[in-house]
C-alpha atoms as a PDB file:
ATOM      1  CA  MET A   1     -18.239  -9.706  -6.851  1.00  0.00           C
ATOM      2  CA  THR A   2     -19.066  -5.292  -8.134  1.00  0.00           C
ATOM      3  CA  ASP A   3     -19.288  -3.967 -11.848  1.00  0.00           C
ATOM      4  CA  ASP A   4     -16.845  -4.072 -13.757  1.00  0.00           C
ATOM      5  CA  PRO A   5     -15.101  -0.466 -14.102  1.00  0.00           C
ATOM      6  CA  TYR A   6     -16.417   1.544 -17.053  1.00  0.00           C
ATOM      7  CA  VAL A   7     -13.029   2.121 -19.211  1.00  0.00           C
ATOM      8  CA  THR A   8     -11.831   5.159 -20.961  1.00  0.00           C
ATOM      9  CA  LEU A   9      -8.845   4.661 -22.892  1.00  0.00           C
ATOM     10  CA  SER A  10      -7.123   7.784 -24.325  1.00  0.00           C
ATOM     11  CA  SER A  11      -3.885   8.690 -26.500  1.00  0.00           C
ATOM     12  CA  ALA A  12      -2.614  10.265 -29.185  1.00  0.00           C
ATOM     13  CA  THR A  13      -0.759   9.383 -32.131  1.00  0.00           C
ATOM     14  CA  SER A  14       0.942  10.847 -35.155  1.00  0.00           C
ATOM     15  CA  LEU A  15      -1.007  11.264 -38.142  1.00  0.00           C
ATOM     16  CA  ASP A  16       0.614   8.177 -39.181  1.00  0.00           C
ATOM     17  CA  GLY A  17      -0.709   6.380 -35.751  1.00  0.00           C
ATOM     18  CA  TYR A  18       2.786   6.382 -34.153  1.00  0.00           C
ATOM     19  CA  LEU A  19       2.940   6.706 -30.294  1.00  0.00           C
ATOM     20  CA  ASP A  20       6.102   8.500 -30.244  1.00  0.00           C
ATOM     21  CA  ARG A  21       9.516   8.599 -31.840  1.00  0.00           C
ATOM     22  CA  ALA A  22      11.977   5.108 -32.299  1.00  0.00           C
ATOM     23  CA  ASN A  23      14.514   6.612 -29.982  1.00  0.00           C
ATOM     24  CA  PRO A  24      14.694   9.516 -27.405  1.00  0.00           C
ATOM     25  CA  PRO A  25      14.329  12.303 -26.604  1.00  0.00           C
ATOM     26  CA  ARG A  26      10.168  11.466 -26.355  1.00  0.00           C
ATOM     27  CA  LEU A  27       7.910  13.096 -28.224  1.00  0.00           C
ATOM     28  CA  ASN A  28       5.491  15.266 -27.474  1.00  0.00           C
ATOM     29  CA  LEU A  29       2.318  15.022 -29.358  1.00  0.00           C
ATOM     30  CA  SER A  30      -0.289  16.608 -27.395  1.00  0.00           C
ATOM     31  CA  ASN A  31      -0.316  20.653 -27.213  1.00  0.00           C
ATOM     32  CA  ASP A  32      -1.054  22.530 -24.159  1.00  0.00           C
ATOM     33  CA  ALA A  33      -5.018  22.768 -24.607  1.00  0.00           C
ATOM     34  CA  ASP A  34      -5.022  18.996 -25.443  1.00  0.00           C
ATOM     35  CA  PHE A  35      -3.124  18.414 -21.917  1.00  0.00           C
ATOM     36  CA  ASP A  36      -5.435  20.266 -20.240  1.00  0.00           C
ATOM     37  CA  ARG A  37      -8.411  18.487 -21.549  1.00  0.00           C
ATOM     38  CA  VAL A  38      -6.726  15.284 -20.782  1.00  0.00           C
ATOM     39  CA  ASP A  39      -6.002  16.196 -17.169  1.00  0.00           C
ATOM     40  CA  GLU A  40      -9.868  16.892 -16.388  1.00  0.00           C
ATOM     41  CA  VAL A  41     -10.453  13.332 -17.908  1.00  0.00           C
ATOM     42  CA  ARG A  42      -7.923  11.965 -14.944  1.00  0.00           C
ATOM     43  CA  ALA A  43      -9.623  13.549 -12.103  1.00  0.00           C
ATOM     44  CA  HIS A  44     -12.721  12.459 -13.113  1.00  0.00           C
ATOM     45  CA  ASN A  45     -11.555   8.527 -13.156  1.00  0.00           C
ATOM     46  CA  ASP A  46     -10.803   6.568  -9.875  1.00  0.00           C
ATOM     47  CA  ALA A  47      -7.942   4.586 -11.425  1.00  0.00           C
ATOM     48  CA  ILE A  48      -5.634   5.642 -14.213  1.00  0.00           C
ATOM     49  CA  LEU A  49      -3.695   2.598 -15.993  1.00  0.00           C
ATOM     50  CA  VAL A  50       0.192   2.580 -17.916  1.00  0.00           C
ATOM     51  CA  GLY A  51       2.134  -0.427 -18.450  1.00  0.00           C
ATOM     52  CA  ALA A  52       5.568  -0.600 -16.746  1.00  0.00           C
ATOM     53  CA  ARG A  53       7.425   0.266 -20.201  1.00  0.00           C
ATOM     54  CA  THR A  54       5.640   3.184 -20.374  1.00  0.00           C
ATOM     55  CA  ILE A  55       6.619   4.013 -16.548  1.00  0.00           C
ATOM     56  CA  ARG A  56      10.722   3.028 -18.208  1.00  0.00           C
ATOM     57  CA  LEU A  57      10.622   5.127 -20.935  1.00  0.00           C
ATOM     58  CA  ASP A  58       8.659   7.958 -20.222  1.00  0.00           C
ATOM     59  CA  ASN A  59       8.397   8.191 -15.716  1.00  0.00           C
ATOM     60  CA  PRO A  60       4.625   9.634 -15.884  1.00  0.00           C
ATOM     61  CA  ARG A  61       3.691  11.451 -12.541  1.00  0.00           C
ATOM     62  CA  LEU A  62       0.137  10.531 -13.546  1.00  0.00           C
ATOM     63  CA  LEU A  63      -1.154  12.894 -11.358  1.00  0.00           C
ATOM     64  CA  VAL A  64      -4.314  15.544 -11.606  1.00  0.00           C
ATOM     65  CA  ARG A  65      -2.072  18.739 -12.608  1.00  0.00           C
ATOM     66  CA  SER A  66      -4.805  21.429 -12.184  1.00  0.00           C
ATOM     67  CA  VAL A  67      -4.774  22.217  -7.929  1.00  0.00           C
ATOM     68  CA  GLU A  68      -8.497  23.205  -8.502  1.00  0.00           C
ATOM     69  CA  ARG A  69      -9.448  19.486 -10.047  1.00  0.00           C
ATOM     70  CA  GLN A  70      -7.751  18.444  -7.004  1.00  0.00           C
ATOM     71  CA  ILE A  71      -9.219  20.408  -4.058  1.00  0.00           C
ATOM     72  CA  GLN A  72     -12.731  19.714  -6.520  1.00  0.00           C
ATOM     73  CA  ARG A  73     -11.265  15.635  -5.713  1.00  0.00           C
ATOM     74  CA  GLU A  74     -10.110  16.278  -2.453  1.00  0.00           C
ATOM     75  CA  THR A  75     -13.730  18.765  -1.534  1.00  0.00           C
ATOM     76  CA  ALA A  76     -15.454  14.697  -3.126  1.00  0.00           C
ATOM     77  CA  GLY A  77     -14.110  12.834  -0.665  1.00  0.00           C
ATOM     78  CA  LEU A  78     -11.588  11.529  -2.888  1.00  0.00           C
ATOM     79  CA  SER A  79      -7.778  11.306  -2.995  1.00  0.00           C
ATOM     80  CA  ARG A  80      -6.540  14.573  -5.224  1.00  0.00           C
ATOM     81  CA  SER A  81      -5.308  12.403  -7.640  1.00  0.00           C
ATOM     82  CA  PRO A  82      -6.732   8.728  -9.001  1.00  0.00           C
ATOM     83  CA  TRP A  83      -5.051   5.439  -8.116  1.00  0.00           C
ATOM     84  CA  LYS A  84      -1.755   4.572 -10.021  1.00  0.00           C
ATOM     85  CA  VAL A  85      -1.829   1.394 -11.861  1.00  0.00           C
ATOM     86  CA  THR A  86       0.426  -0.971 -13.557  1.00  0.00           C
ATOM     87  CA  VAL A  87       0.955  -4.051 -15.257  1.00  0.00           C
ATOM     88  CA  THR A  88       4.515  -5.854 -15.650  1.00  0.00           C
ATOM     89  CA  ALA A  89       4.950  -9.296 -17.193  1.00  0.00           C
ATOM     90  CA  SER A  90       8.622  -9.527 -15.562  1.00  0.00           C
ATOM     91  CA  GLY A  91       8.441  -7.232 -12.352  1.00  0.00           C
ATOM     92  CA  ASP A  92      11.875  -4.854 -14.327  1.00  0.00           C
ATOM     93  CA  LEU A  93      10.367  -1.733 -12.271  1.00  0.00           C
ATOM     94  CA  ASP A  94      12.572   1.615 -10.496  1.00  0.00           C
ATOM     95  CA  PRO A  95      11.354   2.052  -7.085  1.00  0.00           C
ATOM     96  CA  HIS A  96      12.674   5.329  -7.782  1.00  0.00           C
ATOM     97  CA  ALA A  97      10.236   6.135 -10.638  1.00  0.00           C
ATOM     98  CA  ALA A  98       7.829   8.696 -10.460  1.00  0.00           C
ATOM     99  CA  PHE A  99       5.116   6.408 -10.505  1.00  0.00           C
ATOM    100  CA  PHE A 100       5.714   5.247  -7.179  1.00  0.00           C
ATOM    101  CA  THR A 101       7.618   8.823  -5.789  1.00  0.00           C
ATOM    102  CA  THR A 102       5.003  10.802  -5.894  1.00  0.00           C
ATOM    103  CA  GLY A 103       0.730  11.297  -5.273  1.00  0.00           C
ATOM    104  CA  ASP A 104      -0.469  10.691  -1.933  1.00  0.00           C
ATOM    105  CA  THR A 105      -2.842   7.990  -3.727  1.00  0.00           C
ATOM    106  CA  THR A 106      -3.129   4.469  -3.352  1.00  0.00           C
ATOM    107  CA  LYS A 107      -0.654   2.025  -6.435  1.00  0.00           C
ATOM    108  CA  LEU A 108      -1.052  -1.014  -7.879  1.00  0.00           C
ATOM    109  CA  VAL A 109       1.086  -3.527  -9.544  1.00  0.00           C
ATOM    110  CA  TYR A 110      -0.685  -5.949 -11.320  1.00  0.00           C
ATOM    111  CA  CYS A 111       1.873  -9.091 -11.962  1.00  0.00           C
ATOM    112  CA  PRO A 112       2.347 -12.776 -12.548  1.00  0.00           C
ATOM    113  CA  THR A 113       2.150 -14.301  -9.483  1.00  0.00           C
ATOM    114  CA  PRO A 114       5.418 -15.988  -9.931  1.00  0.00           C
ATOM    115  CA  VAL A 115       7.088 -12.218  -9.674  1.00  0.00           C
ATOM    116  CA  VAL A 116       4.836 -11.005  -6.970  1.00  0.00           C
ATOM    117  CA  GLU A 117       7.716 -11.439  -4.192  1.00  0.00           C
ATOM    118  CA  ARG A 118      10.472 -10.193  -6.347  1.00  0.00           C
ATOM    119  CA  ILE A 119       8.363  -7.400  -6.775  1.00  0.00           C
ATOM    120  CA  ARG A 120       7.859  -6.895  -3.675  1.00  0.00           C
ATOM    121  CA  ARG A 121      11.450  -7.143  -2.082  1.00  0.00           C
ATOM    122  CA  ARG A 122      12.210  -4.582  -4.980  1.00  0.00           C
ATOM    123  CA  ILE A 123       9.598  -1.839  -4.329  1.00  0.00           C
ATOM    124  CA  GLY A 124       9.111  -1.943  -0.725  1.00  0.00           C
ATOM    125  CA  ASN A 125       5.695  -0.666   0.868  1.00  0.00           C
ATOM    126  CA  SER A 126       5.507   2.202  -2.068  1.00  0.00           C
ATOM    127  CA  ALA A 127       2.736   0.115  -4.032  1.00  0.00           C
ATOM    128  CA  VAL A 128       0.212  -3.210  -3.151  1.00  0.00           C
ATOM    129  CA  VAL A 129       0.945  -5.752  -5.595  1.00  0.00           C
ATOM    130  CA  VAL A 130      -1.082  -8.271  -7.157  1.00  0.00           C
ATOM    131  CA  GLY A 131      -0.553 -11.590  -8.571  1.00  0.00           C
ATOM    132  CA  LEU A 132      -3.335 -12.989 -11.297  1.00  0.00           C
ATOM    133  CA  GLY A 133      -2.233 -16.570 -11.671  1.00  0.00           C
ATOM    134  CA  LYS A 134       0.725 -17.569 -14.230  1.00  0.00           C
ATOM    135  CA  GLU A 135      -0.143 -14.754 -16.666  1.00  0.00           C
ATOM    136  CA  VAL A 136      -2.006 -11.908 -16.303  1.00  0.00           C
ATOM    137  CA  ASN A 137      -5.515 -11.319 -18.447  1.00  0.00           C
ATOM    138  CA  MET A 138      -6.829  -7.953 -18.376  1.00  0.00           C
ATOM    139  CA  THR A 139     -10.335  -8.937 -17.842  1.00  0.00           C
ATOM    140  CA  ASP A 140      -9.216 -10.683 -14.558  1.00  0.00           C
ATOM    141  CA  LEU A 141      -7.254  -7.139 -13.810  1.00  0.00           C
ATOM    142  CA  VAL A 142     -10.493  -5.315 -14.464  1.00  0.00           C
ATOM    143  CA  VAL A 143     -12.643  -7.318 -12.521  1.00  0.00           C
ATOM    144  CA  ASP A 144      -9.958  -6.922  -9.085  1.00  0.00           C
ATOM    145  CA  LEU A 145     -10.027  -3.165 -10.038  1.00  0.00           C
ATOM    146  CA  GLY A 146     -13.995  -3.565 -10.078  1.00  0.00           C
ATOM    147  CA  ASP A 147     -13.704  -5.557  -6.695  1.00  0.00           C
ATOM    148  CA  ARG A 148     -11.826  -2.866  -4.683  1.00  0.00           C
ATOM    149  CA  GLY A 149     -14.275  -0.325  -5.780  1.00  0.00           C
ATOM    150  CA  ILE A 150     -13.191   1.269  -8.882  1.00  0.00           C
ATOM    151  CA  GLY A 151     -16.315   2.441 -10.852  1.00  0.00           C
ATOM    152  CA  GLN A 152     -14.118   4.399 -13.726  1.00  0.00           C
ATOM    153  CA  LEU A 153     -10.544   3.487 -14.766  1.00  0.00           C
ATOM    154  CA  MET A 154      -8.651   5.565 -17.552  1.00  0.00           C
ATOM    155  CA  VAL A 155      -6.138   3.807 -19.695  1.00  0.00           C
ATOM    156  CA  GLU A 156      -3.253   5.701 -21.099  1.00  0.00           C
ATOM    157  CA  GLY A 157      -1.042   3.146 -22.851  1.00  0.00           C
ATOM    158  CA  GLY A 158       1.176   1.890 -24.413  1.00  0.00           C
ATOM    159  CA  GLY A 159       0.527   0.150 -27.211  1.00  0.00           C
ATOM    160  CA  THR A 160       1.107  -3.103 -25.776  1.00  0.00           C
ATOM    161  CA  VAL A 161      -1.399  -2.598 -22.800  1.00  0.00           C
ATOM    162  CA  THR A 162      -3.900  -0.410 -25.211  1.00  0.00           C
ATOM    163  CA  THR A 163      -3.307  -3.367 -27.855  1.00  0.00           C
ATOM    164  CA  GLN A 164      -4.379  -6.150 -24.739  1.00  0.00           C
ATOM    165  CA  PHE A 165      -7.877  -3.219 -23.499  1.00  0.00           C
ATOM    166  CA  LEU A 166      -8.942  -2.915 -27.341  1.00  0.00           C
ATOM    167  CA  ALA A 167      -8.436  -6.960 -28.197  1.00  0.00           C
ATOM    168  CA  ALA A 168     -10.421  -8.073 -25.242  1.00  0.00           C
ATOM    169  CA  GLY A 169     -13.372  -6.297 -26.142  1.00  0.00           C
ATOM    170  CA  LEU A 170     -12.931  -4.517 -22.905  1.00  0.00           C
ATOM    171  CA  VAL A 171     -12.843  -0.559 -23.533  1.00  0.00           C
ATOM    172  CA  ASP A 172     -16.325   1.330 -23.402  1.00  0.00           C
ATOM    173  CA  GLU A 173     -15.465   4.620 -24.658  1.00  0.00           C
ATOM    174  CA  LEU A 174     -12.158   5.645 -26.792  1.00  0.00           C
ATOM    175  CA  HIS A 175     -10.226   9.028 -27.286  1.00  0.00           C
ATOM    176  CA  LEU A 176      -8.231   9.435 -29.979  1.00  0.00           C
ATOM    177  CA  ALA A 177      -6.391  12.928 -30.434  1.00  0.00           C
ATOM    178  CA  VAL A 178      -4.100  13.046 -33.623  1.00  0.00           C
ATOM    179  CA  ALA A 179      -1.253  15.410 -34.081  1.00  0.00           C
ATOM    180  CA  PRO A 180      -0.957  17.113 -37.123  1.00  0.00           C
ATOM    181  CA  PHE A 181       2.563  15.517 -38.293  1.00  0.00           C
ATOM    182  CA  PHE A 182       4.308  12.493 -39.373  1.00  0.00           C
ATOM    183  CA  VAL A 183       6.721  10.373 -37.588  1.00  0.00           C
ATOM    184  CA  GLY A 184       7.375   8.223 -40.485  1.00  0.00           C
ATOM    185  CA  ASP A 185       9.890   5.387 -39.085  1.00  0.00           C
ATOM    186  CA  GLN A 186       8.433   1.628 -38.613  1.00  0.00           C
ATOM    187  CA  ARG A 187      10.918   1.329 -35.578  1.00  0.00           C
ATOM    188  CA  ALA A 188       8.465   3.725 -33.434  1.00  0.00           C
ATOM    189  CA  PRO A 189       6.058   2.085 -30.887  1.00  0.00           C
ATOM    190  CA  ARG A 190       2.320   2.401 -33.026  1.00  0.00           C
ATOM    191  CA  PHE A 191      -0.989   2.873 -31.415  1.00  0.00           C
ATOM    192  CA  VAL A 192      -1.911  -0.788 -31.508  1.00  0.00           C
ATOM    193  CA  GLY A 193      -0.014  -4.370 -32.782  1.00  0.00           C
ATOM    194  CA  ASP A 194      -1.058  -7.226 -34.443  1.00  0.00           C
ATOM    195  CA  ALA A 195      -4.304  -8.623 -32.716  1.00  0.00           C
ATOM    196  CA  LYS A 196      -8.022  -9.801 -33.791  1.00  0.00           C
ATOM    197  CA  PHE A 197     -10.225  -6.273 -32.598  1.00  0.00           C
ATOM    198  CA  PRO A 198     -14.043  -6.465 -31.881  1.00  0.00           C
ATOM    199  CA  TRP A 199     -13.708  -4.120 -34.998  1.00  0.00           C
ATOM    200  CA  THR A 200     -13.828  -4.438 -38.415  1.00  0.00           C
ATOM    201  CA  ASN A 201     -14.930  -3.411 -41.481  1.00  0.00           C
ATOM    202  CA  ALA A 202     -17.943  -5.417 -40.604  1.00  0.00           C
ATOM    203  CA  HIS A 203     -18.752  -4.009 -37.286  1.00  0.00           C
ATOM    204  CA  ARG A 204     -17.420  -0.510 -37.416  1.00  0.00           C
ATOM    205  CA  ALA A 205     -17.272   1.304 -33.960  1.00  0.00           C
ATOM    206  CA  THR A 206     -19.499   4.566 -33.299  1.00  0.00           C
ATOM    207  CA  LEU A 207     -18.363   7.756 -33.731  1.00  0.00           C
ATOM    208  CA  ALA A 208     -19.943   9.822 -30.949  1.00  0.00           C
ATOM    209  CA  GLU A 209     -18.270  13.215 -31.107  1.00  0.00           C
ATOM    210  CA  VAL A 210     -14.818  14.962 -33.192  1.00  0.00           C
ATOM    211  CA  ARG A 211     -14.090  18.102 -31.375  1.00  0.00           C
ATOM    212  CA  GLN A 212     -10.707  20.618 -32.485  1.00  0.00           C
ATOM    213  CA  ILE A 213      -8.362  21.556 -30.078  1.00  0.00           C
ATOM    214  CA  GLY A 214      -6.258  24.140 -31.424  1.00  0.00           C
ATOM    215  CA  ASP A 215      -4.240  22.279 -34.311  1.00  0.00           C
ATOM    216  CA  MET A 216      -5.151  18.813 -33.204  1.00  0.00           C
ATOM    217  CA  VAL A 217      -8.259  17.062 -33.495  1.00  0.00           C
ATOM    218  CA  LEU A 218     -10.228  14.239 -30.785  1.00  0.00           C
ATOM    219  CA  MET A 219     -12.783  11.788 -31.932  1.00  0.00           C
ATOM    220  CA  ARG A 220     -14.219   9.881 -29.286  1.00  0.00           C
ATOM    221  CA  TYR A 221     -15.631   6.541 -29.777  1.00  0.00           C
ATOM    222  CA  ALA A 222     -18.337   3.996 -28.674  1.00  0.00           C
ATOM    223  CA  LEU A 223     -16.754   0.919 -27.679  1.00  0.00           C
ATOM    224  CA  SER A 224     -19.520  -0.515 -25.808  1.00  0.00           C
ATOM    225  CA  ASP A 225     -23.640  -0.566 -24.600  1.00  0.00           C
ATOM    226  CA  ARG A 226     -22.604   1.447 -21.418  1.00  0.00           C
ATOM    227  CA  PHE A 227     -21.184   4.610 -23.540  1.00  0.00           C
ATOM    228  CA  ILE A 228     -24.510   6.635 -23.917  1.00  0.00           C
ATOM    229  CA  ARG A 229     -26.127   6.157 -20.462  1.00  0.00           C
ATOM    230  CA  HIS A 230     -22.158   6.760 -18.687  1.00  0.00           C
ATOM    231  CA  ASP A 231     -22.003  10.097 -21.247  1.00  0.00           C
ATOM    232  CA  ALA A 232     -25.498  11.060 -20.280  1.00  0.00           C
ATOM    233  CA  GLU A 233     -24.936  10.888 -16.491  1.00  0.00           C
ATOM    234  CA  SER A 234     -21.967  12.612 -16.929  1.00  0.00           C
ATOM    235  CA  HIS A 235     -23.726  15.269 -17.771  1.00  0.00           C
ATOM    236  CA  GLN A 236     -26.157  14.884 -15.308  1.00  0.00           C
ATOM    237  CA  GLY A 237     -28.643  15.631 -17.927  1.00  0.00           C
ATOM    238  CA  VAL A 238     -27.662  18.130 -19.795  1.00  0.00           C
ATOM    239  CA  PRO A 239     -27.312  17.279 -23.524  1.00  0.00           C
ATOM    240  CA  SER A 240     -23.886  16.545 -23.979  1.00  0.00           C
ATOM    241  CA  ALA A 241     -22.147  16.977 -27.098  1.00  0.00           C
ATOM    242  CA  THR A 242     -22.378  13.389 -27.994  1.00  0.00           C
ATOM    243  CA  ALA A 243     -25.846  13.119 -27.229  1.00  0.00           C
ATOM    244  CA  LEU A 244     -26.186  15.863 -29.978  1.00  0.00           C
ATOM    245  CA  VAL A 245     -23.713  14.063 -32.426  1.00  0.00           C
ATOM    246  CA  LEU A 246     -25.709  10.650 -32.190  1.00  0.00           C
ATOM    247  CA  GLY A 247     -29.519  12.091 -31.840  1.00  0.00           C
ATOM    248  CA  ILE A 248     -29.825  11.614 -28.653  1.00  0.00           C
ATOM    249  CA  SER A 249     -32.159  13.765 -26.252  1.00  0.00           C
END
């Protein structure tokens, strides 16, 4: 068994904590500069994970957009975009979704073992289907990705997946970008659902960085002891904004 992947959870919300509006069309929360920031984070990860509901509703491509970043990855011996990963309980996946049809990279579908064969018949050879027992446990999923050589995992949602990763204490670093408007509709999906989280008023998360990105604000939180080492290695000895904020040289 290898070390578990370093997990970065990235999300954008409204001022009142919503991920989207209640009804189509999809609500764009990020501005162009924030989309580019997310693209840079994608380019530095080995795999990107979203839930099956996100695939059904948003049909994301989950690719590195910048050609320059694609070339940098390719020069380093990597695929032009990270692996794509999704998780489903029902197996309700469209084989024509962009998740499966775009990008020359490995695609993984995690699911309960009883639905493995049904999913394989549905999507064919477009992805590797992995059964994880009667129910998918995110801890087991992360361990399996580590065994497959994934060192850095980016989790992009939606709310159910975000809740499961955070509640299980699997996230090392949280990126929360906030858009300057309200949704104001309780029917809309929220950033997280009900759960027992490791961070409470008695155990507060560590704010590592605050950054203005146009009319948005990005907050980075250190959620594990691995954060500081990872941040320092990412900057190759150059003092990072995180190190300066936390008073580390």
